[in-house]
Amino acid sequence: MTGIVFGPVATQALADWGADVIKVEPPEGDTLRHAGVARHRGMGAIFLNLNRGKRSIALDLAQPAGRDAMRRLLAGADLFVHNVRRDPIARLGLAPADVLAINPSIVYCTASGFHEGSPLAHAPAIDDSIQVASGLAALNADADGSPRFVPSLIADKTAGLALAGAMLAALVRRLRTGRGGVVDVPMYDTLAGFVLLEHLQGHTFEPSTGPAGYRRVTAEGRRLYRAADGWLTMTPYTQPQWKAFFAAVGDPAMADDPRVVDPVERNRHIQWLYARVGEAAATRSVDDWLALCREQGIPAFRVASIDEVAADPMLEASGAIARVEHPTEGPLRMLASPGFLDGAPARAAGPAPGLGEHTIEVLREAGLDETAIAALVASGAAVAHSPGDIR
């Protein structure tokens, strides 16, 4: 029972690894159905890649009959996940205690904004607010200090993958013990920890030994380099790589310089070392630098546009992107969840569903007879559409 990106990223990972994921949508559908470009209404590009292989049931949980149907689904589920705020979910009768009373072995999962003990426990949260709250926008500031969003739904997606891991851990515990439980993955806590992993720095120690911020990766640290014909990154990282770089640019004496040899001195003078790379960069073409770096084992890559990444044949060769045929949307290019198992990408075989496409079959599986299902549909408590009925 999740919408937009955070929760669906987590359930997409489970679907891609083989889980039967039932997406419970409101009668109007997940808001994400209408985000980005689309061939047909309600089947937008982001939705198609975040809901492949899932089944859709549309229920009006404002109606008692819709909530009763939801409880029937929960009785047979292994896992329940939602991204509804704490007060509204409690008013629906779907708080943790309510659901565990229906199914004591279920894993109850919340994709929340803030921890339940936080003063903001009941506040709304989206990617924008969490990027700002976690310090990410400040770290990504313009040259004049103006904070900037990272132009990706990085908070939603990072928290979603964290939620997937937490859900799988809880399911493993259930397999071992038979116990259900409650999983809460707050987006703020997740992203704050994600950002602070390298940036906690002086605040790691008590008392603090200095400010937060890992200088090697901040704006004054690592950088992109302008070669003679374009931009690239090349990052000597180890002592042998730095020695190889300076030998290649005609400065072998640097091989014995303490700023290269001693890791503490190298870290202290990293901006100076990067400036030396920048000075050398303009003397050769991107291809020349890439060839040198590949030869020396130095991480390097040409700056790629999003369109170039989308068309990269390496991604299709690995299976990270595949060409598929959708029953209503025609030929599509589908992504996969991270990771390969026995060489195969993690991608659900089925397509993203139309709104309420599986309502009837899911209700049947939950034990409702045809008369009860027809009554739910007639009352509007459940909404059912055929696969080609795009809304």
Protein backbone atom coordinates (compact mmCIF):
# COMPACT_ATOMS: atom_id res chain seq x y z
CA MET A 1 0.00 0.00 0.00
CA THR A 2 2.65 2.46 -1.12
CA GLY A 3 2.71 5.16 -3.76
CA ILE A 4 5.09 7.60 -5.44
CA VAL A 5 8.72 6.33 -5.19
CA PHE A 6 10.04 5.47 -1.70
CA GLY A 7 7.80 2.46 -0.98
CA PRO A 8 7.52 1.25 -4.59
CA VAL A 9 11.34 1.08 -4.92
CA ALA A 10 11.38 -1.34 -1.97
CA THR A 11 8.52 -3.50 -3.24
CA GLN A 12 9.96 -3.42 -6.76
CA ALA A 13 13.13 -5.02 -5.45
CA LEU A 14 11.06 -7.80 -3.88
CA ALA A 15 9.02 -8.27 -7.06
CA ASP A 16 12.16 -8.39 -9.17
CA TRP A 17 13.55 -11.15 -6.94
CA GLY A 18 10.37 -13.19 -7.29
CA ALA A 19 7.85 -12.01 -4.68
CA ASP A 20 4.13 -11.79 -5.49
CA VAL A 21 3.58 -8.09 -4.81
CA ILE A 22 -0.02 -6.85 -4.64
CA LYS A 23 -0.19 -3.08 -5.07
CA VAL A 24 -3.19 -1.68 -3.20
CA GLU A 25 -4.17 1.60 -4.86
CA PRO A 26 -6.94 4.12 -4.16
CA PRO A 27 -9.74 4.29 -6.77
CA GLU A 28 -7.95 7.15 -8.55
CA GLY A 29 -4.66 5.22 -8.61
CA ASP A 30 -1.12 5.95 -7.51
CA THR A 31 -0.21 9.61 -8.17
CA LEU A 32 2.98 8.41 -9.85
CA ARG A 33 0.91 6.95 -12.70
CA HIS A 34 0.68 10.50 -14.08
CA ALA A 35 4.31 11.62 -13.58
CA GLY A 36 6.60 12.11 -16.57
CA VAL A 37 5.91 11.12 -20.16
CA ALA A 38 3.28 8.54 -21.11
CA ARG A 39 1.68 6.94 -24.17
CA HIS A 40 -1.59 6.51 -22.30
CA ARG A 41 -3.11 8.19 -19.27
CA GLY A 42 -2.16 6.51 -16.02
CA MET A 43 0.83 4.63 -17.42
CA GLY A 44 3.72 7.07 -17.08
CA ALA A 45 7.34 6.14 -17.69
CA ILE A 46 8.41 6.19 -14.03
CA PHE A 47 5.39 4.15 -12.96
CA LEU A 48 6.12 1.52 -15.60
CA ASN A 49 9.66 0.98 -14.27
CA LEU A 50 8.67 1.02 -10.59
CA ASN A 51 5.78 -1.42 -10.76
CA ARG A 52 6.76 -4.13 -13.21
CA GLY A 53 5.55 -7.57 -12.24
CA LYS A 54 3.18 -6.28 -9.53
CA ARG A 55 -0.56 -6.88 -9.38
CA SER A 56 -2.93 -3.94 -8.85
CA ILE A 57 -6.06 -3.96 -6.72
CA ALA A 58 -7.99 -0.71 -6.24
CA LEU A 59 -9.84 -0.31 -2.92
CA ASP A 60 -11.62 2.66 -1.38
CA LEU A 61 -10.42 2.42 2.21
CA ALA A 62 -12.69 5.30 3.21
CA GLN A 63 -15.55 2.81 2.96
CA PRO A 64 -16.00 0.12 5.64
CA ALA A 65 -16.40 -2.53 2.94
CA GLY A 66 -13.08 -1.48 1.41
CA ARG A 67 -11.34 -1.79 4.78
CA ASP A 68 -12.94 -5.20 5.34
CA ALA A 69 -11.56 -6.36 2.00
CA MET A 70 -8.13 -5.04 2.98
CA ARG A 71 -8.25 -7.04 6.19
CA ARG A 72 -9.01 -10.18 4.19
CA LEU A 73 -5.87 -9.58 2.14
CA LEU A 74 -3.77 -9.02 5.26
CA ALA A 75 -4.88 -12.28 6.82
CA GLY A 76 -2.97 -14.24 4.17
CA ALA A 77 -0.02 -11.91 3.57
CA ASP A 78 3.60 -12.43 4.56
CA LEU A 79 4.37 -8.73 4.57
CA PHE A 80 2.45 -5.44 4.62
CA VAL A 81 4.13 -2.16 3.69
CA HIS A 82 2.65 1.33 3.50
CA ASN A 83 3.78 4.96 3.37
CA VAL A 84 0.73 6.52 5.03
CA ARG A 85 1.42 8.87 7.93
CA ARG A 86 0.85 7.53 11.43
CA ASP A 87 -2.44 9.27 12.29
CA PRO A 88 -4.25 8.48 9.01
CA ILE A 89 -3.15 4.83 9.04
CA ALA A 90 -4.44 4.48 12.60
CA ARG A 91 -7.79 5.99 11.59
CA LEU A 92 -8.05 3.32 8.89
CA GLY A 93 -7.61 0.63 11.53
CA LEU A 94 -4.30 -0.42 9.99
CA ALA A 95 -1.82 0.56 12.71
CA PRO A 96 0.74 -2.11 13.66
CA ALA A 97 -1.30 -3.52 16.55
CA ASP A 98 -4.41 -3.74 14.35
CA VAL A 99 -2.65 -5.64 11.58
CA LEU A 100 -0.72 -7.96 13.90
CA ALA A 101 -4.01 -8.82 15.60
CA ILE A 102 -5.31 -10.01 12.21
CA ASN A 103 -2.11 -11.88 11.30
CA PRO A 104 0.41 -12.30 14.15
CA SER A 105 3.11 -13.65 11.83
CA ILE A 106 2.97 -10.78 9.34
CA VAL A 107 5.92 -8.42 8.86
CA TYR A 108 4.48 -4.90 9.18
CA CYS A 109 6.59 -2.25 7.40
CA THR A 110 6.33 1.53 7.42
CA ALA A 111 8.02 3.76 4.86
CA SER A 112 7.97 6.84 7.08
CA GLY A 113 9.39 10.33 6.94
CA PHE A 114 10.68 10.58 10.50
CA HIS A 115 11.20 8.18 13.41
CA GLU A 116 8.19 7.58 15.64
CA GLY A 117 10.05 9.18 18.58
CA SER A 118 10.85 12.36 16.64
CA PRO A 119 9.00 15.66 17.19
CA LEU A 120 8.31 15.41 13.44
CA ALA A 121 6.92 11.86 13.66
CA HIS A 122 3.58 12.98 12.16
CA ALA A 123 4.98 15.43 9.60
CA PRO A 124 4.85 14.85 5.83
CA ALA A 125 8.10 14.18 3.97
CA ILE A 126 9.10 13.94 0.33
CA ASP A 127 12.42 13.72 -1.49
CA ASP A 128 12.75 17.53 -1.63
CA SER A 129 12.37 18.07 2.11
CA ILE A 130 14.66 15.16 3.01
CA GLN A 131 17.44 16.28 0.65
CA VAL A 132 17.35 19.62 2.44
CA ALA A 133 17.00 18.21 5.97
CA SER A 134 19.81 15.69 5.51
CA GLY A 135 22.38 18.31 4.45
CA LEU A 136 22.56 17.01 0.90
CA ALA A 137 21.32 20.25 -0.71
CA ALA A 138 23.86 22.29 1.29
CA LEU A 139 26.70 19.96 0.30
CA ASN A 140 25.66 20.36 -3.33
CA ALA A 141 25.67 24.17 -3.17
CA ASP A 142 26.46 26.43 -6.13
CA ALA A 143 29.72 28.35 -6.23
CA ASP A 144 27.93 31.28 -4.56
CA GLY A 145 26.76 29.05 -1.69
CA SER A 146 23.16 28.68 -2.83
CA PRO A 147 21.95 25.17 -1.89
CA ARG A 148 20.89 22.91 -4.77
CA PHE A 149 18.91 19.72 -5.03
CA VAL A 150 20.66 16.69 -6.45
CA PRO A 151 18.70 16.27 -9.73
CA SER A 152 17.58 12.76 -8.89
CA LEU A 153 15.08 11.30 -6.40
CA ILE A 154 18.03 10.19 -4.35
CA ALA A 155 16.32 10.33 -0.95
CA ASP A 156 13.34 8.26 -2.11
CA LYS A 157 15.47 5.68 -3.89
CA THR A 158 18.13 5.32 -1.19
CA ALA A 159 15.52 4.95 1.54
CA GLY A 160 13.59 2.52 -0.67
CA LEU A 161 16.58 0.21 -1.05
CA ALA A 162 17.21 0.45 2.71
CA LEU A 163 13.58 -0.50 3.30
CA ALA A 164 13.90 -3.50 0.98
CA GLY A 165 16.89 -4.73 2.97
CA ALA A 166 15.09 -4.26 6.28
CA MET A 167 12.01 -6.09 4.99
CA LEU A 168 14.10 -9.04 3.80
CA ALA A 169 15.91 -9.20 7.15
CA ALA A 170 12.56 -9.32 8.96
CA LEU A 171 11.32 -12.06 6.62
CA VAL A 172 14.46 -14.13 7.29
CA ARG A 173 13.83 -13.77 11.02
CA ARG A 174 10.25 -14.91 10.48
CA LEU A 175 11.45 -17.97 8.58
CA ARG A 176 13.72 -18.86 11.50
CA THR A 177 11.41 -18.05 14.40
CA GLY A 178 7.86 -17.75 13.04
CA ARG A 179 7.65 -14.27 14.57
CA GLY A 180 6.20 -11.32 12.75
CA GLY A 181 7.24 -7.82 13.69
CA VAL A 182 7.30 -4.14 12.86
CA VAL A 183 9.84 -2.52 10.51
CA ASP A 184 10.08 1.27 10.33
CA VAL A 185 12.53 2.89 7.91
CA PRO A 186 12.33 6.70 8.28
CA MET A 187 13.57 8.57 5.24
CA TYR A 188 15.24 11.34 7.26
CA ASP A 189 17.23 9.01 9.52
CA THR A 190 18.21 6.87 6.53
CA LEU A 191 19.46 9.80 4.43
CA ALA A 192 21.16 11.53 7.36
CA GLY A 193 23.11 8.34 8.03
CA PHE A 194 23.78 7.93 4.31
CA VAL A 195 25.26 11.44 4.06
CA LEU A 196 27.10 11.39 7.39
CA LEU A 197 28.85 8.10 6.70
CA GLU A 198 31.81 9.99 5.24
CA HIS A 199 30.88 13.47 6.42
CA LEU A 200 30.55 12.95 10.20
CA GLN A 201 34.33 13.40 10.46
CA GLY A 202 35.23 15.41 13.61
CA HIS A 203 31.81 14.78 15.14
CA THR A 204 32.66 11.07 15.22
CA PHE A 205 34.65 11.76 18.40
CA GLU A 206 33.59 12.92 21.84
CA PRO A 207 34.35 15.71 22.34
CA SER A 208 34.29 16.78 18.70
CA THR A 209 37.70 17.23 17.11
CA GLY A 210 36.44 19.42 14.27
CA PRO A 211 33.57 20.15 11.90
CA ALA A 212 31.61 17.76 9.74
CA GLY A 213 32.53 17.35 6.06
CA TYR A 214 34.90 15.05 4.19
CA ARG A 215 36.96 17.52 2.19
CA ARG A 216 38.04 15.07 -0.48
CA VAL A 217 34.50 14.86 -1.84
CA THR A 218 33.21 18.38 -1.15
CA ALA A 219 33.22 21.18 -3.73
CA GLU A 220 36.80 22.16 -2.94
CA GLY A 221 37.91 18.52 -3.10
CA ARG A 222 37.37 16.15 -5.97
CA ARG A 223 36.58 17.69 -9.31
CA LEU A 224 35.97 17.20 -12.98
CA TYR A 225 38.74 18.01 -15.42
CA ARG A 226 38.62 19.80 -18.76
CA ALA A 227 40.76 17.93 -21.26
CA ALA A 228 41.72 19.33 -24.66
CA ASP A 229 38.39 18.22 -26.19
CA GLY A 230 35.94 17.60 -23.35
CA TRP A 231 35.37 16.73 -19.72
CA LEU A 232 36.27 13.67 -17.68
CA THR A 233 36.97 12.44 -14.20
CA MET A 234 40.24 10.70 -13.37
CA THR A 235 41.08 9.97 -9.78
CA PRO A 236 44.43 8.56 -8.72
CA TYR A 237 43.66 7.10 -5.31
CA THR A 238 46.45 4.85 -4.09
CA GLN A 239 50.15 5.58 -3.81
CA PRO A 240 51.03 3.43 -6.88
CA GLN A 241 48.35 5.24 -8.91
CA TRP A 242 49.69 8.66 -7.97
CA LYS A 243 53.23 7.55 -8.81
CA ALA A 244 52.07 6.21 -12.18
CA PHE A 245 50.20 9.43 -12.92
CA PHE A 246 53.16 11.71 -12.23
CA ALA A 247 55.49 9.43 -14.19
CA ALA A 248 53.08 9.60 -17.15
CA VAL A 249 52.94 13.40 -17.11
CA GLY A 250 56.72 13.74 -16.96
CA ASP A 251 57.23 14.45 -13.26
CA PRO A 252 58.68 11.19 -11.84
CA ALA A 253 60.36 13.05 -8.95
CA MET A 254 56.92 13.31 -7.34
CA ALA A 255 57.08 9.55 -6.74
CA ASP A 256 59.12 10.19 -3.58
CA ASP A 257 57.30 13.33 -2.47
CA PRO A 258 55.77 12.92 1.03
CA ARG A 259 52.50 14.32 -0.38
CA VAL A 260 52.32 11.17 -2.51
CA VAL A 261 54.10 8.57 -0.39
CA ASP A 262 52.57 9.27 3.05
CA PRO A 263 48.78 8.62 3.17
CA VAL A 264 48.26 11.20 5.91
CA GLU A 265 50.15 13.87 3.98
CA ARG A 266 48.41 12.83 0.77
CA ASN A 267 45.01 13.31 2.41
CA ARG A 268 46.09 16.66 3.86
CA HIS A 269 47.27 17.91 0.46
CA ILE A 270 44.60 16.30 -1.70
CA GLN A 271 43.36 19.63 -3.11
CA TRP A 272 46.90 20.49 -4.20
CA LEU A 273 47.26 17.08 -5.85
CA TYR A 274 43.95 17.46 -7.66
CA ALA A 275 45.05 20.88 -8.86
CA ARG A 276 48.11 19.24 -10.42
CA VAL A 277 45.83 16.80 -12.24
CA GLY A 278 43.78 19.76 -13.47
CA GLU A 279 46.86 21.50 -14.83
CA ALA A 280 47.85 18.43 -16.78
CA ALA A 281 44.35 17.61 -18.04
CA ALA A 282 44.24 20.26 -20.77
CA THR A 283 47.36 18.87 -22.44
CA ARG A 284 45.70 15.72 -23.83
CA SER A 285 42.40 14.55 -25.27
CA VAL A 286 39.79 12.68 -23.27
CA ASP A 287 40.54 9.47 -25.17
CA ASP A 288 44.26 9.84 -24.46
CA TRP A 289 43.62 10.27 -20.76
CA LEU A 290 41.22 7.33 -20.65
CA ALA A 291 43.77 5.11 -22.36
CA LEU A 292 46.49 6.15 -19.91
CA CYS A 293 44.23 5.66 -16.90
CA ARG A 294 43.05 2.23 -18.07
CA GLU A 295 46.70 1.21 -18.53
CA GLN A 296 47.63 2.40 -15.03
CA GLY A 297 44.48 1.16 -13.28
CA ILE A 298 43.34 4.69 -12.42
CA PRO A 299 39.54 5.13 -12.20
CA ALA A 300 38.45 7.44 -15.03
CA PHE A 301 35.42 8.11 -17.19
CA ARG A 302 34.23 10.54 -19.82
CA VAL A 303 31.38 12.80 -18.63
CA ALA A 304 28.22 11.26 -20.06
CA SER A 305 24.85 12.87 -20.64
CA ILE A 306 21.66 11.22 -19.39
CA ASP A 307 20.70 10.45 -22.99
CA GLU A 308 24.06 8.72 -23.52
CA VAL A 309 23.54 6.62 -20.39
CA ALA A 310 20.02 5.69 -21.51
CA ALA A 311 21.42 4.48 -24.84
CA ASP A 312 24.53 2.79 -23.46
CA PRO A 313 24.86 -0.66 -25.11
CA MET A 314 26.75 -1.95 -22.06
CA LEU A 315 23.55 -1.76 -20.01
CA GLU A 316 21.61 -3.84 -22.52
CA ALA A 317 24.48 -6.30 -22.83
CA SER A 318 24.51 -6.89 -19.07
CA GLY A 319 20.73 -7.07 -18.84
CA ALA A 320 20.44 -3.98 -16.66
CA ILE A 321 18.09 -2.66 -19.38
CA ALA A 322 15.93 -4.97 -21.47
CA ARG A 323 13.53 -4.48 -24.35
CA VAL A 324 10.08 -5.89 -23.54
CA GLU A 325 6.57 -5.79 -24.95
CA HIS A 326 3.86 -4.36 -22.68
CA PRO A 327 0.29 -5.53 -23.37
CA THR A 328 -1.08 -1.97 -23.55
CA GLU A 329 2.00 0.27 -23.84
CA GLY A 330 3.79 -1.58 -26.61
CA PRO A 331 7.58 -1.89 -26.83
CA LEU A 332 9.38 -0.60 -23.74
CA ARG A 333 12.84 -0.55 -22.22
CA MET A 334 12.73 -1.86 -18.65
CA LEU A 335 15.30 -1.44 -15.90
CA ALA A 336 16.23 -4.04 -13.27
CA SER A 337 16.83 -3.89 -9.54
CA PRO A 338 20.51 -3.82 -8.50
CA GLY A 339 22.35 -7.12 -8.57
CA PHE A 340 22.62 -10.29 -10.61
CA LEU A 341 21.88 -13.81 -9.37
CA ASP A 342 23.75 -16.58 -11.20
CA GLY A 343 24.42 -14.00 -13.90
CA ALA A 344 20.75 -13.09 -14.41
CA PRO A 345 19.47 -9.55 -13.74
CA ALA A 346 16.83 -8.92 -11.08
CA ARG A 347 13.78 -8.11 -13.18
CA ALA A 348 10.20 -9.28 -12.74
CA ALA A 349 8.89 -11.09 -15.80
CA GLY A 350 5.49 -9.38 -15.82
CA PRO A 351 4.53 -5.86 -16.91
CA ALA A 352 3.40 -2.94 -14.78
CA PRO A 353 -0.34 -3.28 -14.17
CA GLY A 354 -3.24 -1.12 -15.19
CA LEU A 355 -5.24 0.39 -12.32
CA GLY A 356 -7.35 -2.33 -10.69
CA GLU A 357 -6.34 -4.83 -13.34
CA HIS A 358 -6.13 -7.66 -10.78
CA THR A 359 -8.86 -6.59 -8.35
CA ILE A 360 -11.18 -9.50 -9.13
CA GLU A 361 -8.54 -12.23 -9.06
CA VAL A 362 -6.94 -10.95 -5.85
CA LEU A 363 -10.29 -10.78 -4.06
CA ARG A 364 -11.04 -14.33 -5.20
CA GLU A 365 -7.70 -15.48 -3.81
CA ALA A 366 -8.59 -13.79 -0.50
CA GLY A 367 -11.66 -16.03 -0.28
CA LEU A 368 -14.45 -13.69 -1.39
CA ASP A 369 -17.18 -15.25 -3.52
CA GLU A 370 -18.54 -13.75 -6.73
CA THR A 371 -21.55 -12.18 -4.99
CA ALA A 372 -19.36 -10.42 -2.41
CA ILE A 373 -16.96 -9.21 -5.10
CA ALA A 374 -19.79 -7.88 -7.25
CA ALA A 375 -21.20 -6.01 -4.25
CA LEU A 376 -17.81 -4.42 -3.53
CA VAL A 377 -17.46 -3.26 -7.13
CA ALA A 378 -21.06 -2.01 -7.31
CA SER A 379 -20.60 0.06 -4.15
CA GLY A 380 -17.30 1.54 -5.36
CA ALA A 381 -15.44 0.01 -2.42
CA ALA A 382 -13.41 -1.90 -5.01
CA VAL A 383 -12.57 -0.80 -8.54
CA ALA A 384 -11.84 -3.28 -11.33
CA HIS A 385 -10.64 -2.52 -14.83
CA SER A 386 -9.61 -4.77 -17.70
CA PRO A 387 -5.94 -4.60 -18.77
CA GLY A 388 -6.66 -2.36 -21.76
CA ASP A 389 -8.95 0.00 -19.85
CA ILE A 390 -6.47 2.81 -19.29
CA ARG A 391 -7.70 5.43 -16.83
